[in-house]
Amino acid sequence: MIDLRVRATEPELLDASVPDEETWKSLADLRFVNRWLGGRRILLRGVRPFLKSARRILDVGCGSGDLTGLLFEKAPRALVVGLDRKPLHLTKAPAGVVRIAGDVRSLPFADGSFEIVTANLFLHHFDAEDLPGLLARLYRLATRALVVNDLRRAWVPYLFGRATFPFLFTSKVSINDGLVSIRRSFTKRELLTAFKSAGIPPPTIVHAFPYRLLAVAEKR
């Protein structure tokens, strides 16, 4: 029985090991989600106030780097870095993006290395007890803002996903992980609590269409 009052804890398939062909299909589905289900628009809404002066931008958990590439398009003079744990994912990253394979738990960057740090559809992969430490590390890396673009847990997107994901996605991994992602995602209160536990001043968190949360922790 699905209970959306609490976050799910089961892992997603793509976080483990799946065949390369299935990985490519799933990453293509994620690019579809970002383009047509709000990812690009919401990210730009969050970073736009800081882009003009940004010279170094980090996108953590970037997957195949489509949103990282969007950041490079909007700030072509900036050094735009995409970090992902799996080197295979990074092989599809767009030209212009600096690709780094690494674990977000052990980042190879000094504090204050970037003006903007973004996490897109990434935080929900972590359990509640891991979030404060992760957010604190990412916040320390940024001199201007940490921008989080993630899912909002609710029945509407879950039921929509059950009805449409088998037709929208090409990968069986995406169908499974899409529904798990919704169940692992946040309410506004949960995300705010995670920031507070990380010792970060209260960020601006807004509901964004369709069923997304956009959190901006700005350093003033």
Protein backbone atom coordinates (compact mmCIF):
# COMPACT_ATOMS: atom_id res chain seq x y z
CA MET A 1 0.00 0.00 0.00
CA ILE A 2 1.47 3.33 -1.10
CA ASP A 3 1.59 5.99 1.60
CA LEU A 4 2.68 9.36 0.28
CA ARG A 5 2.59 10.97 3.70
CA VAL A 6 6.17 9.76 4.23
CA ARG A 7 9.15 9.60 1.89
CA ALA A 8 9.98 6.24 0.38
CA THR A 9 13.44 4.82 1.06
CA GLU A 10 13.76 2.17 -1.64
CA PRO A 11 16.64 2.83 -4.10
CA GLU A 12 16.24 3.63 -7.77
CA LEU A 13 17.48 1.17 -10.36
CA LEU A 14 19.70 3.68 -12.17
CA ASP A 15 21.57 4.33 -8.93
CA ALA A 16 22.68 0.70 -8.98
CA SER A 17 23.99 -1.19 -11.99
CA VAL A 18 21.94 -1.57 -15.16
CA PRO A 19 23.03 -2.54 -18.70
CA ASP A 20 24.55 0.30 -20.73
CA GLU A 21 21.75 0.19 -23.31
CA GLU A 22 19.14 0.63 -20.58
CA THR A 23 21.21 3.44 -19.07
CA TRP A 24 21.22 5.36 -22.36
CA LYS A 25 17.48 4.94 -22.73
CA SER A 26 16.83 6.11 -19.18
CA LEU A 27 19.10 9.15 -19.55
CA ALA A 28 17.25 10.04 -22.76
CA ASP A 29 13.99 9.84 -20.83
CA LEU A 30 15.43 12.19 -18.20
CA ARG A 31 16.35 14.66 -20.92
CA PHE A 32 12.74 14.45 -22.13
CA VAL A 33 11.51 15.19 -18.59
CA ASN A 34 13.82 18.17 -18.26
CA ARG A 35 12.78 19.64 -21.59
CA TRP A 36 9.03 19.07 -21.45
CA LEU A 37 8.12 18.69 -17.79
CA GLY A 38 9.62 21.83 -16.33
CA GLY A 39 13.26 21.09 -15.58
CA ARG A 40 14.83 23.67 -17.89
CA ARG A 41 12.37 26.45 -17.13
CA ILE A 42 12.53 25.96 -13.37
CA LEU A 43 16.33 25.82 -13.27
CA LEU A 44 16.61 29.06 -15.24
CA ARG A 45 14.13 30.72 -12.90
CA GLY A 46 16.40 29.85 -9.99
CA VAL A 47 19.78 30.79 -11.45
CA ARG A 48 18.84 33.81 -13.58
CA PRO A 49 19.54 36.45 -10.88
CA PHE A 50 23.12 35.18 -10.52
CA LEU A 51 24.11 34.23 -14.07
CA LYS A 52 25.37 37.60 -15.27
CA SER A 53 28.23 37.72 -12.77
CA ALA A 54 28.90 33.97 -12.59
CA ARG A 55 32.30 32.77 -13.73
CA ARG A 56 32.20 29.28 -12.22
CA ILE A 57 29.11 27.06 -12.01
CA LEU A 58 28.78 23.51 -10.66
CA ASP A 59 25.91 21.13 -11.44
CA VAL A 60 26.05 18.09 -9.13
CA GLY A 61 24.51 14.75 -10.05
CA CYS A 62 24.27 16.03 -13.61
CA GLY A 63 23.57 12.73 -15.38
CA SER A 64 24.17 13.20 -19.09
CA GLY A 65 24.52 16.93 -18.59
CA ASP A 66 21.60 18.38 -20.52
CA LEU A 67 20.83 20.96 -17.83
CA THR A 68 24.54 21.57 -17.35
CA GLY A 69 24.71 22.33 -21.05
CA LEU A 70 21.81 24.75 -20.67
CA LEU A 71 23.78 26.60 -17.99
CA PHE A 72 26.72 26.83 -20.39
CA GLU A 73 24.45 28.21 -23.12
CA LYS A 74 23.20 30.93 -20.79
CA ALA A 75 26.64 31.73 -19.33
CA PRO A 76 29.10 30.88 -22.14
CA ARG A 77 31.96 32.79 -20.51
CA ALA A 78 31.68 30.79 -17.31
CA LEU A 79 33.48 27.60 -16.41
CA VAL A 80 30.56 25.17 -16.14
CA VAL A 81 31.30 21.87 -14.42
CA GLY A 82 29.08 18.80 -14.44
CA LEU A 83 29.75 16.23 -11.73
CA ASP A 84 28.33 12.74 -11.71
CA ARG A 85 29.30 9.57 -9.88
CA LYS A 86 29.15 7.43 -13.03
CA PRO A 87 31.64 8.23 -15.83
CA LEU A 88 29.35 6.49 -18.32
CA HIS A 89 26.68 9.17 -17.80
CA LEU A 90 29.13 11.97 -18.55
CA THR A 91 30.06 10.66 -21.99
CA LYS A 92 26.85 12.23 -23.34
CA ALA A 93 27.47 15.67 -21.80
CA PRO A 94 27.36 18.59 -24.28
CA ALA A 95 30.47 20.28 -25.61
CA GLY A 96 31.64 23.13 -23.44
CA VAL A 97 30.84 21.37 -20.18
CA VAL A 98 33.77 20.32 -17.99
CA ARG A 99 33.03 16.72 -16.99
CA ILE A 100 34.17 15.38 -13.63
CA ALA A 101 33.39 11.91 -12.31
CA GLY A 102 33.20 12.01 -8.53
CA ASP A 103 31.14 11.32 -5.45
CA VAL A 104 29.26 14.25 -3.94
CA ARG A 105 30.15 12.89 -0.50
CA SER A 106 33.83 13.55 -1.24
CA LEU A 107 33.95 16.58 -3.49
CA PRO A 108 37.29 17.55 -5.06
CA PHE A 109 36.67 21.29 -4.65
CA ALA A 110 37.57 23.87 -2.01
CA ASP A 111 34.88 25.92 -0.29
CA GLY A 112 33.85 28.93 -2.36
CA SER A 113 35.03 27.40 -5.64
CA PHE A 114 31.85 28.38 -7.52
CA GLU A 115 29.45 31.28 -7.63
CA ILE A 116 26.48 28.99 -8.32
CA VAL A 117 25.93 25.38 -7.32
CA THR A 118 22.87 23.56 -8.67
CA ALA A 119 21.27 20.23 -7.80
CA ASN A 120 18.60 19.14 -10.28
CA LEU A 121 16.43 16.09 -9.54
CA PHE A 122 19.29 14.97 -7.32
CA LEU A 123 18.52 15.45 -3.63
CA HIS A 124 15.66 12.96 -3.59
CA HIS A 125 18.21 10.18 -4.19
CA PHE A 126 19.43 10.64 -0.59
CA ASP A 127 17.84 9.52 2.67
CA ALA A 128 16.76 12.12 5.22
CA GLU A 129 19.73 11.59 7.52
CA ASP A 130 22.17 12.29 4.66
CA LEU A 131 20.57 15.52 3.45
CA PRO A 132 21.86 18.05 6.04
CA GLY A 133 25.49 17.10 5.53
CA LEU A 134 25.10 17.10 1.75
CA LEU A 135 23.37 20.48 1.69
CA ALA A 136 25.98 21.98 4.00
CA ARG A 137 28.80 20.82 1.70
CA LEU A 138 27.11 22.20 -1.40
CA TYR A 139 26.32 25.51 0.30
CA ARG A 140 29.95 25.96 1.32
CA LEU A 141 31.03 25.55 -2.29
CA ALA A 142 28.92 28.49 -3.46
CA THR A 143 29.72 32.18 -3.07
CA ARG A 144 26.39 33.40 -4.47
CA ALA A 145 23.71 30.71 -4.30
CA LEU A 146 22.80 27.06 -3.99
CA VAL A 147 19.85 26.29 -6.29
CA VAL A 148 17.83 23.10 -5.81
CA ASN A 149 15.26 21.98 -8.38
CA ASP A 150 13.48 18.80 -7.33
CA LEU A 151 10.16 16.96 -7.26
CA ARG A 152 7.29 17.64 -4.88
CA ARG A 153 5.63 14.55 -3.42
CA ALA A 154 1.90 14.43 -4.02
CA TRP A 155 -0.81 12.11 -5.32
CA VAL A 156 -1.42 13.98 -8.57
CA PRO A 157 2.06 13.43 -10.07
CA TYR A 158 2.15 9.86 -8.78
CA LEU A 159 -1.17 8.94 -10.39
CA PHE A 160 -0.20 10.83 -13.54
CA GLY A 161 3.03 8.83 -13.66
CA ARG A 162 1.30 5.50 -13.23
CA ALA A 163 -1.04 6.32 -16.09
CA THR A 164 1.45 7.87 -18.53
CA PHE A 165 5.04 6.77 -17.86
CA PRO A 166 4.64 3.48 -19.78
CA PHE A 167 3.74 5.58 -22.84
CA LEU A 168 6.11 8.53 -22.30
CA PHE A 169 9.30 6.63 -21.48
CA THR A 170 11.32 4.22 -23.60
CA SER A 171 13.06 2.54 -20.66
CA LYS A 172 11.58 0.17 -18.10
CA VAL A 173 14.14 1.62 -15.68
CA SER A 174 12.63 5.08 -16.19
CA ILE A 175 9.12 3.80 -15.54
CA ASN A 176 10.18 2.25 -12.26
CA ASP A 177 12.49 5.05 -11.19
CA GLY A 178 10.06 7.80 -12.15
CA LEU A 179 7.47 6.48 -9.71
CA VAL A 180 10.07 5.80 -7.01
CA SER A 181 11.43 9.33 -7.49
CA ILE A 182 8.01 10.84 -6.81
CA ARG A 183 7.68 8.74 -3.66
CA ARG A 184 11.20 9.71 -2.54
CA SER A 185 10.64 13.42 -3.21
CA PHE A 186 9.83 16.18 -0.74
CA THR A 187 7.20 18.38 0.71
CA LYS A 188 8.11 22.02 1.13
CA ARG A 189 8.30 21.56 4.90
CA GLU A 190 10.64 18.57 4.61
CA LEU A 191 13.02 20.43 2.33
CA LEU A 192 13.00 23.49 4.57
CA THR A 193 13.74 21.26 7.57
CA ALA A 194 16.72 19.74 5.75
CA PHE A 195 18.17 23.20 5.06
CA LYS A 196 17.63 24.20 8.68
CA SER A 197 19.33 21.04 9.93
CA ALA A 198 22.26 21.87 7.64
CA GLY A 199 22.68 25.21 9.40
CA ILE A 200 21.79 27.16 6.25
CA PRO A 201 19.78 30.39 6.58
CA PRO A 202 16.17 29.82 5.44
CA PRO A 203 16.12 29.55 1.64
CA THR A 204 13.37 30.78 -0.62
CA ILE A 205 11.31 27.70 -1.50
CA VAL A 206 8.43 27.91 -3.96
CA HIS A 207 6.07 25.47 -5.62
CA ALA A 208 6.77 25.40 -9.35
CA PHE A 209 4.60 23.88 -12.06
CA PRO A 210 4.28 20.93 -12.47
CA TYR A 211 4.72 19.67 -8.90
CA ARG A 212 8.29 20.83 -8.43
CA LEU A 213 10.07 22.57 -5.59
CA LEU A 214 12.57 25.33 -6.35
CA ALA A 215 14.81 26.27 -3.42
CA VAL A 216 17.31 29.12 -3.62
CA ALA A 217 19.73 29.58 -0.72
CA GLU A 218 21.37 32.90 -1.52
CA LYS A 219 24.50 34.20 0.16
CA ARG A 220 24.15 37.93 0.76
